[in-house]
Each structure stands twice: as structure tokens, then as C-alpha cells.
C-alpha atoms as a PDB file:
ATOM      1  CA  UNK A   1     127.872 140.821 134.543  1.00  0.00           C
ATOM      2  CA  UNK A   2     127.189 137.301 136.157  1.00  0.00           C
ATOM      3  CA  UNK A   3     123.685 136.176 136.353  1.00  0.00           C
ATOM      4  CA  UNK A   4     122.861 133.366 139.055  1.00  0.00           C
ATOM      5  CA  UNK A   5     119.647 131.871 140.758  1.00  0.00           C
ATOM      6  CA  UNK A   6     117.775 133.188 143.627  1.00  0.00           C
ATOM      7  CA  UNK A   7     119.377 131.935 146.404  1.00  0.00           C
ATOM      8  CA  UNK A   8     118.437 132.002 150.477  1.00  0.00           C
ATOM      9  CA  UNK A   9     120.173 134.372 152.590  1.00  0.00           C
ATOM     10  CA  UNK A  10     121.248 131.805 155.177  1.00  0.00           C
ATOM     11  CA  UNK A  11     122.783 129.753 151.819  1.00  0.00           C
ATOM     12  CA  UNK A  12     124.735 132.376 151.222  1.00  0.00           C
ATOM     13  CA  UNK A  13     125.802 133.605 154.458  1.00  0.00           C
ATOM     14  CA  UNK A  14     127.149 130.310 155.192  1.00  0.00           C
ATOM     15  CA  UNK A  15     128.817 130.117 152.257  1.00  0.00           C
ATOM     16  CA  UNK A  16     130.118 134.071 152.982  1.00  0.00           C
ATOM     17  CA  UNK A  17     131.822 131.998 156.396  1.00  0.00           C
ATOM     18  CA  UNK A  18     133.260 129.046 154.567  1.00  0.00           C
ATOM     19  CA  UNK A  19     134.727 131.447 152.118  1.00  0.00           C
ATOM     20  CA  UNK A  20     136.316 133.663 154.568  1.00  0.00           C
ATOM     21  CA  UNK A  21     137.811 130.721 156.809  1.00  0.00           C
ATOM     22  CA  UNK A  22     139.310 129.957 153.484  1.00  0.00           C
ATOM     23  CA  UNK A  23     141.133 133.450 152.703  1.00  0.00           C
ATOM     24  CA  UNK A  24     141.244 133.881 156.613  1.00  0.00           C
ATOM     25  CA  UNK A  25     138.945 135.598 158.983  1.00  0.00           C
ATOM     26  CA  UNK A  26     141.660 138.409 159.664  1.00  0.00           C
ATOM     27  CA  UNK A  27     142.169 138.981 156.608  1.00  0.00           C
ATOM     28  CA  UNK A  28     139.312 139.584 155.138  1.00  0.00           C
ATOM     29  CA  UNK A  29     135.787 141.721 155.112  1.00  0.00           C
ATOM     30  CA  UNK A  30     132.553 141.242 153.607  1.00  0.00           C
ATOM     31  CA  UNK A  31     131.378 144.117 151.301  1.00  0.00           C
ATOM     32  CA  UNK A  32     128.286 144.124 149.108  1.00  0.00           C
ATOM     33  CA  UNK A  33     124.947 143.034 149.597  1.00  0.00           C
ATOM     34  CA  UNK A  34     125.310 141.114 152.662  1.00  0.00           C
ATOM     35  CA  UNK A  35     127.374 143.543 154.005  1.00  0.00           C
ATOM     36  CA  UNK A  36     124.024 145.842 153.445  1.00  0.00           C
ATOM     37  CA  UNK A  37     122.313 143.570 154.900  1.00  0.00           C
ATOM     38  CA  UNK A  38     124.403 143.120 157.970  1.00  0.00           C
ATOM     39  CA  UNK A  39     124.100 146.782 159.059  1.00  0.00           C
ATOM     40  CA  UNK A  40     120.316 146.535 158.908  1.00  0.00           C
ATOM     41  CA  UNK A  41     118.637 146.661 155.150  1.00  0.00           C
ATOM     42  CA  UNK A  42     118.192 143.311 153.890  1.00  0.00           C
ATOM     43  CA  UNK A  43     117.686 143.165 150.432  1.00  0.00           C
ATOM     44  CA  UNK A  44     118.362 140.370 147.902  1.00  0.00           C
ATOM     45  CA  UNK A  45     121.363 139.180 146.623  1.00  0.00           C
ATOM     46  CA  UNK A  46     123.104 136.364 144.949  1.00  0.00           C
ATOM     47  CA  UNK A  47     126.569 136.455 145.454  1.00  0.00           C
ATOM     48  CA  UNK A  48     129.509 137.111 147.638  1.00  0.00           C
ATOM     49  CA  UNK A  49     131.935 140.184 148.079  1.00  0.00           C
ATOM     50  CA  UNK A  50     135.181 140.256 149.782  1.00  0.00           C
ATOM     51  CA  UNK A  51     137.993 142.702 150.654  1.00  0.00           C
ATOM     52  CA  UNK A  52     140.941 140.692 151.223  1.00  0.00           C
ATOM     53  CA  UNK A  53     144.190 142.772 152.377  1.00  0.00           C
ATOM     54  CA  UNK A  54     146.469 140.276 151.067  1.00  0.00           C
ATOM     55  CA  UNK A  55     148.245 140.192 147.961  1.00  0.00           C
ATOM     56  CA  UNK A  56     146.364 138.634 144.897  1.00  0.00           C
ATOM     57  CA  UNK A  57     148.975 136.268 144.110  1.00  0.00           C
ATOM     58  CA  UNK A  58     148.617 134.741 148.037  1.00  0.00           C
ATOM     59  CA  UNK A  59     145.063 135.194 147.996  1.00  0.00           C
ATOM     60  CA  UNK A  60     144.705 132.989 144.337  1.00  0.00           C
ATOM     61  CA  UNK A  61     146.915 130.390 145.667  1.00  0.00           C
ATOM     62  CA  UNK A  62     144.953 129.980 148.688  1.00  0.00           C
ATOM     63  CA  UNK A  63     141.627 129.562 147.881  1.00  0.00           C
ATOM     64  CA  UNK A  64     143.417 127.460 144.594  1.00  0.00           C
ATOM     65  CA  UNK A  65     145.005 124.798 147.569  1.00  0.00           C
ATOM     66  CA  UNK A  66     141.128 124.755 148.865  1.00  0.00           C
ATOM     67  CA  UNK A  67     139.938 123.522 145.447  1.00  0.00           C
ATOM     68  CA  UNK A  68     138.560 126.848 144.506  1.00  0.00           C
ATOM     69  CA  UNK A  69     139.745 128.219 140.589  1.00  0.00           C
ATOM     70  CA  UNK A  70     139.761 131.814 139.971  1.00  0.00           C
ATOM     71  CA  UNK A  71     140.037 134.075 137.232  1.00  0.00           C
ATOM     72  CA  UNK A  72     141.747 137.542 137.632  1.00  0.00           C
ATOM     73  CA  UNK A  73     140.414 140.527 136.497  1.00  0.00           C
ATOM     74  CA  UNK A  74     142.425 143.228 135.632  1.00  0.00           C
ATOM     75  CA  UNK A  75     140.712 147.063 135.878  1.00  0.00           C
ATOM     76  CA  UNK A  76     142.068 149.900 133.739  1.00  0.00           C
ATOM     77  CA  UNK A  77     143.696 152.130 137.048  1.00  0.00           C
ATOM     78  CA  UNK A  78     143.956 155.243 135.078  1.00  0.00           C
ATOM     79  CA  UNK A  79     140.378 155.049 134.367  1.00  0.00           C
ATOM     80  CA  UNK A  80     139.558 154.350 137.727  1.00  0.00           C
ATOM     81  CA  UNK A  81     138.904 150.382 137.212  1.00  0.00           C
ATOM     82  CA  UNK A  82     140.350 147.905 139.456  1.00  0.00           C
ATOM     83  CA  UNK A  83     141.621 143.996 139.610  1.00  0.00           C
ATOM     84  CA  UNK A  84     139.159 141.431 141.129  1.00  0.00           C
ATOM     85  CA  UNK A  85     139.536 137.677 141.581  1.00  0.00           C
ATOM     86  CA  UNK A  86     136.179 135.787 140.591  1.00  0.00           C
ATOM     87  CA  UNK A  87     135.082 132.279 141.156  1.00  0.00           C
ATOM     88  CA  UNK A  88     132.797 129.765 142.661  1.00  0.00           C
ATOM     89  CA  UNK A  89     132.036 128.375 146.118  1.00  0.00           C
ATOM     90  CA  UNK A  90     129.357 125.256 145.472  1.00  0.00           C
ATOM     91  CA  UNK A  91     127.746 127.078 142.444  1.00  0.00           C
ATOM     92  CA  UNK A  92     128.094 130.204 144.221  1.00  0.00           C
ATOM     93  CA  UNK A  93     129.259 133.203 142.575  1.00  0.00           C
ATOM     94  CA  UNK A  94     132.358 135.548 143.914  1.00  0.00           C
ATOM     95  CA  UNK A  95     134.243 138.212 143.876  1.00  0.00           C
ATOM     96  CA  UNK A  96     137.716 139.133 145.903  1.00  0.00           C
ATOM     97  CA  UNK A  97     138.478 142.651 145.663  1.00  0.00           C
ATOM     98  CA  UNK A  98     141.289 144.911 146.795  1.00  0.00           C
ATOM     99  CA  UNK A  99     141.089 147.789 149.383  1.00  0.00           C
ATOM    100  CA  UNK A 100     139.164 149.828 147.398  1.00  0.00           C
ATOM    101  CA  UNK A 101     139.053 152.534 149.971  1.00  0.00           C
ATOM    102  CA  UNK A 102     140.773 153.167 153.494  1.00  0.00           C
ATOM    103  CA  UNK A 103     139.453 150.079 155.554  1.00  0.00           C
ATOM    104  CA  UNK A 104     139.059 150.588 159.218  1.00  0.00           C
ATOM    105  CA  UNK A 105     140.166 147.015 159.668  1.00  0.00           C
ATOM    106  CA  UNK A 106     139.687 147.391 163.683  1.00  0.00           C
ATOM    107  CA  UNK A 107     136.474 148.308 163.321  1.00  0.00           C
ATOM    108  CA  UNK A 108     134.875 145.272 161.514  1.00  0.00           C
ATOM    109  CA  UNK A 109     131.690 144.298 162.490  1.00  0.00           C
ATOM    110  CA  UNK A 110     131.013 140.526 163.451  1.00  0.00           C
ATOM    111  CA  UNK A 111     128.513 138.800 161.977  1.00  0.00           C
ATOM    112  CA  UNK A 112     127.347 135.499 163.890  1.00  0.00           C
ATOM    113  CA  UNK A 113     125.498 133.429 161.851  1.00  0.00           C
ATOM    114  CA  UNK A 114     124.686 129.798 162.617  1.00  0.00           C
ATOM    115  CA  UNK A 115     127.772 127.947 161.196  1.00  0.00           C
ATOM    116  CA  UNK A 116     129.977 130.577 162.686  1.00  0.00           C
ATOM    117  CA  UNK A 117     131.210 134.470 162.430  1.00  0.00           C
ATOM    118  CA  UNK A 118     132.225 136.555 159.727  1.00  0.00           C
ATOM    119  CA  UNK A 119     133.890 140.269 159.834  1.00  0.00           C
ATOM    120  CA  UNK A 120     132.024 142.991 157.444  1.00  0.00           C
ATOM    121  CA  UNK A 121     133.251 146.491 156.783  1.00  0.00           C
ATOM    122  CA  UNK A 122     132.194 148.825 159.369  1.00  0.00           C
ATOM    123  CA  UNK A 123     129.329 151.454 158.089  1.00  0.00           C
ATOM    124  CA  UNK A 124     131.767 154.079 156.964  1.00  0.00           C
ATOM    125  CA  UNK A 125     133.593 151.878 154.877  1.00  0.00           C
ATOM    126  CA  UNK A 126     130.634 150.056 153.309  1.00  0.00           C
ATOM    127  CA  UNK A 127     128.969 153.837 152.623  1.00  0.00           C
ATOM    128  CA  UNK A 128     132.902 154.899 151.103  1.00  0.00           C
ATOM    129  CA  UNK A 129     132.675 151.726 149.225  1.00  0.00           C
ATOM    130  CA  UNK A 130     128.968 152.626 147.457  1.00  0.00           C
ATOM    131  CA  UNK A 131     129.921 156.036 146.408  1.00  0.00           C
ATOM    132  CA  UNK A 132     133.217 154.769 144.908  1.00  0.00           C
ATOM    133  CA  UNK A 133     131.152 152.489 143.097  1.00  0.00           C
ATOM    134  CA  UNK A 134     128.401 154.969 142.351  1.00  0.00           C
ATOM    135  CA  UNK A 135     126.076 153.056 140.277  1.00  0.00           C
ATOM    136  CA  UNK A 136     122.225 152.999 140.966  1.00  0.00           C
ATOM    137  CA  UNK A 137     121.937 150.373 143.279  1.00  0.00           C
ATOM    138  CA  UNK A 138     124.730 151.271 145.091  1.00  0.00           C
ATOM    139  CA  UNK A 139     123.195 155.158 145.786  1.00  0.00           C
ATOM    140  CA  UNK A 140     120.350 153.098 146.537  1.00  0.00           C
ATOM    141  CA  UNK A 141     121.895 151.391 149.452  1.00  0.00           C
ATOM    142  CA  UNK A 142     123.886 154.263 150.894  1.00  0.00           C
ATOM    143  CA  UNK A 143     120.375 156.354 150.856  1.00  0.00           C
ATOM    144  CA  UNK A 144     118.723 153.434 152.470  1.00  0.00           C
ATOM    145  CA  UNK A 145     121.672 152.930 154.989  1.00  0.00           C
ATOM    146  CA  UNK A 146     121.538 156.626 156.083  1.00  0.00           C
ATOM    147  CA  UNK A 147     117.436 156.534 156.390  1.00  0.00           C
ATOM    148  CA  UNK A 148     118.279 153.884 158.827  1.00  0.00           C
ATOM    149  CA  UNK A 149     121.341 155.475 160.914  1.00  0.00           C
ATOM    150  CA  UNK A 150     120.907 159.219 160.390  1.00  0.00           C
ATOM    151  CA  UNK A 151     123.918 159.802 162.197  1.00  0.00           C
ATOM    152  CA  UNK A 152     125.755 158.870 159.146  1.00  0.00           C
ATOM    153  CA  UNK A 153     124.287 161.703 156.849  1.00  0.00           C
ATOM    154  CA  UNK A 154     126.896 164.506 157.434  1.00  0.00           C
ATOM    155  CA  UNK A 155     129.518 162.074 156.451  1.00  0.00           C
ATOM    156  CA  UNK A 156     127.211 160.235 153.819  1.00  0.00           C
ATOM    157  CA  UNK A 157     127.338 163.395 151.747  1.00  0.00           C
ATOM    158  CA  UNK A 158     130.766 164.236 152.273  1.00  0.00           C
ATOM    159  CA  UNK A 159     131.503 160.941 150.662  1.00  0.00           C
ATOM    160  CA  UNK A 160     128.735 161.545 147.687  1.00  0.00           C
ATOM    161  CA  UNK A 161     130.342 165.386 147.520  1.00  0.00           C
ATOM    162  CA  UNK A 162     134.067 163.724 146.854  1.00  0.00           C
ATOM    163  CA  UNK A 163     132.885 161.289 144.479  1.00  0.00           C
ATOM    164  CA  UNK A 164     130.750 163.920 142.323  1.00  0.00           C
ATOM    165  CA  UNK A 165     127.293 161.678 143.350  1.00  0.00           C
ATOM    166  CA  UNK A 166     125.659 164.267 145.918  1.00  0.00           C
ATOM    167  CA  UNK A 167     122.748 165.242 143.626  1.00  0.00           C
ATOM    168  CA  UNK A 168     121.995 161.267 142.893  1.00  0.00           C
ATOM    169  CA  UNK A 169     122.045 160.591 145.984  1.00  0.00           C
ATOM    170  CA  UNK A 170     119.896 163.186 147.741  1.00  0.00           C
ATOM    171  CA  UNK A 171     117.240 162.486 145.437  1.00  0.00           C
ATOM    172  CA  UNK A 172     117.200 158.796 146.987  1.00  0.00           C
ATOM    173  CA  UNK A 173     117.272 159.967 149.949  1.00  0.00           C
ATOM    174  CA  UNK A 174     114.060 161.851 149.322  1.00  0.00           C
ATOM    175  CA  UNK A 175     112.272 159.215 147.750  1.00  0.00           C
ATOM    176  CA  UNK A 176     109.418 158.483 149.648  1.00  0.00           C
ATOM    177  CA  UNK A 177     109.737 154.664 148.539  1.00  0.00           C
ATOM    178  CA  UNK A 178     112.917 154.497 150.140  1.00  0.00           C
ATOM    179  CA  UNK A 179     111.872 156.753 153.237  1.00  0.00           C
ATOM    180  CA  UNK A 180     108.917 154.662 153.684  1.00  0.00           C
ATOM    181  CA  UNK A 181     111.208 151.215 153.475  1.00  0.00           C
ATOM    182  CA  UNK A 182     114.106 152.597 155.881  1.00  0.00           C
ATOM    183  CA  UNK A 183     110.640 153.166 158.421  1.00  0.00           C
ATOM    184  CA  UNK A 184     109.844 149.648 157.888  1.00  0.00           C
ATOM    185  CA  UNK A 185     113.669 148.751 159.092  1.00  0.00           C
ATOM    186  CA  UNK A 186     113.688 150.850 161.993  1.00  0.00           C
ATOM    187  CA  UNK A 187     110.377 149.601 163.236  1.00  0.00           C
ATOM    188  CA  UNK A 188     112.188 145.647 163.708  1.00  0.00           C
ATOM    189  CA  UNK A 189     112.801 144.144 160.579  1.00  0.00           C
ATOM    190  CA  UNK A 190     116.673 143.915 161.293  1.00  0.00           C
ATOM    191  CA  UNK A 191     118.291 140.645 161.348  1.00  0.00           C
ATOM    192  CA  UNK A 192     117.818 139.709 164.834  1.00  0.00           C
ATOM    193  CA  UNK A 193     120.013 137.255 167.344  1.00  0.00           C
ATOM    194  CA  UNK A 194     119.226 133.360 167.417  1.00  0.00           C
ATOM    195  CA  UNK A 195     120.180 130.191 166.866  1.00  0.00           C
ATOM    196  CA  UNK A 196     120.729 130.283 162.694  1.00  0.00           C
ATOM    197  CA  UNK A 197     119.816 133.429 162.605  1.00  0.00           C
ATOM    198  CA  UNK A 198     122.537 136.350 162.214  1.00  0.00           C
ATOM    199  CA  UNK A 199     123.575 138.672 164.404  1.00  0.00           C
ATOM    200  CA  UNK A 200     126.092 142.187 164.132  1.00  0.00           C
ATOM    201  CA  UNK A 201     127.876 143.110 166.942  1.00  0.00           C
ATOM    202  CA  UNK A 202     131.010 144.983 167.383  1.00  0.00           C
ATOM    203  CA  UNK A 203     134.682 143.520 167.706  1.00  0.00           C
ATOM    204  CA  UNK A 204     135.841 143.391 171.135  1.00  0.00           C
ATOM    205  CA  UNK A 205     139.663 144.286 171.816  1.00  0.00           C
ATOM    206  CA  UNK A 206     141.216 141.742 174.001  1.00  0.00           C
ATOM    207  CA  UNK A 207     141.827 142.917 177.376  1.00  0.00           C
ATOM    208  CA  UNK A 208     145.643 143.757 177.857  1.00  0.00           C
END
């Protein structure tokens, strides 16, 4: 696992906007810790995670032309692994992954920050990614998101069951500390609109 210094959320978001512009804002979505924050559960994170729908060789060439060298990590598909591109943008580590779960690209959330807009994976896609990963932080994120968005609980349990993580997920759901933090988020600690702030908004379809 790569280690990096703690960074301000605003710096990470600005770097995420730049990286998305390089890859192509319509061809990638933000996932990982920043995406969890965009959906209302802000937590510490030190890197950037994206899913790109472009072939890896094309994404890698686009990044190379922008001066960003990457390395391709090969995963064992037979063991549930996956490949990804790793690199750094101004000292900030990033991963670019393939669509590990079905992504509803038309449902991506647009996150507005001071330096521009960025597309974030929709909540259902984010939960699917979290359950596929299945690590402690992933299931904690999933439980926090469900407690903040209770209408997703049934869907989340279906996903947890499919990925054989239901027991672990439900333990997080009833954890009093997690429930208390969810109440804090629901009480108004979500990211708000404003100059230099991040504001999630649904992508509008062009009029026909």
C-alpha cells in the first residue's frame, strides 16, 4: 500500500478536476474516498481514484502526452483481481481503474469545486464498488452512506449478500459510533455550495 502525507480536501479536489480534464471529463468518474465525501460522508483520504471507460492503452497514452507517467499493475482475474494504472499528479498518487462493476455513466453526479466540475460515480455504483472491494474501510464507508441515505438500505443488503459481506456490513450498520457520525452528517455537515466549495448536483440532460 502506498503511503502519502495528509492533504487538504480542497487540494485533492483541485487535483481531481485536473486529472479528469486530462483523461476526458466524459470518460471517467471519481470513486474512492472523495466520492464518498461527495455523497455526504466526508472522511480523510490522501489519493485519487478514478474509473475510466477508455481502454488502458489509450488512457495511458493520454496521460503520457500530458507529462504523467504511469505503471500498469496486472491483477489475477481468476482470483478476482483487476489491473489498474498508477501514477502521481503534482505529488498526489492516483489510480485509474476499469469499470469493475456496471457504471451508470448517465447518472453520474456533477461535483462543482472552485476550479471546475468533476463527474462522480452515482451512489448505487459507489456502493457496488465498496461491496466488491469488501475491505473494512469499504464496508464502513458503505454503512455510513446507507445510514445517511436510508432509502438505499435494501439495495445495499442485496449487494452485500451477493458479495458475501452481509454479516460484516450489518455489524457496521448497528455500530453506535457509526450511527452517531451519520447523525452528524445528516445534521448539516455535508459539503455545501458556495465559492471554492464543492456542491454535488445531478447531471442535466440537454433539451431535445
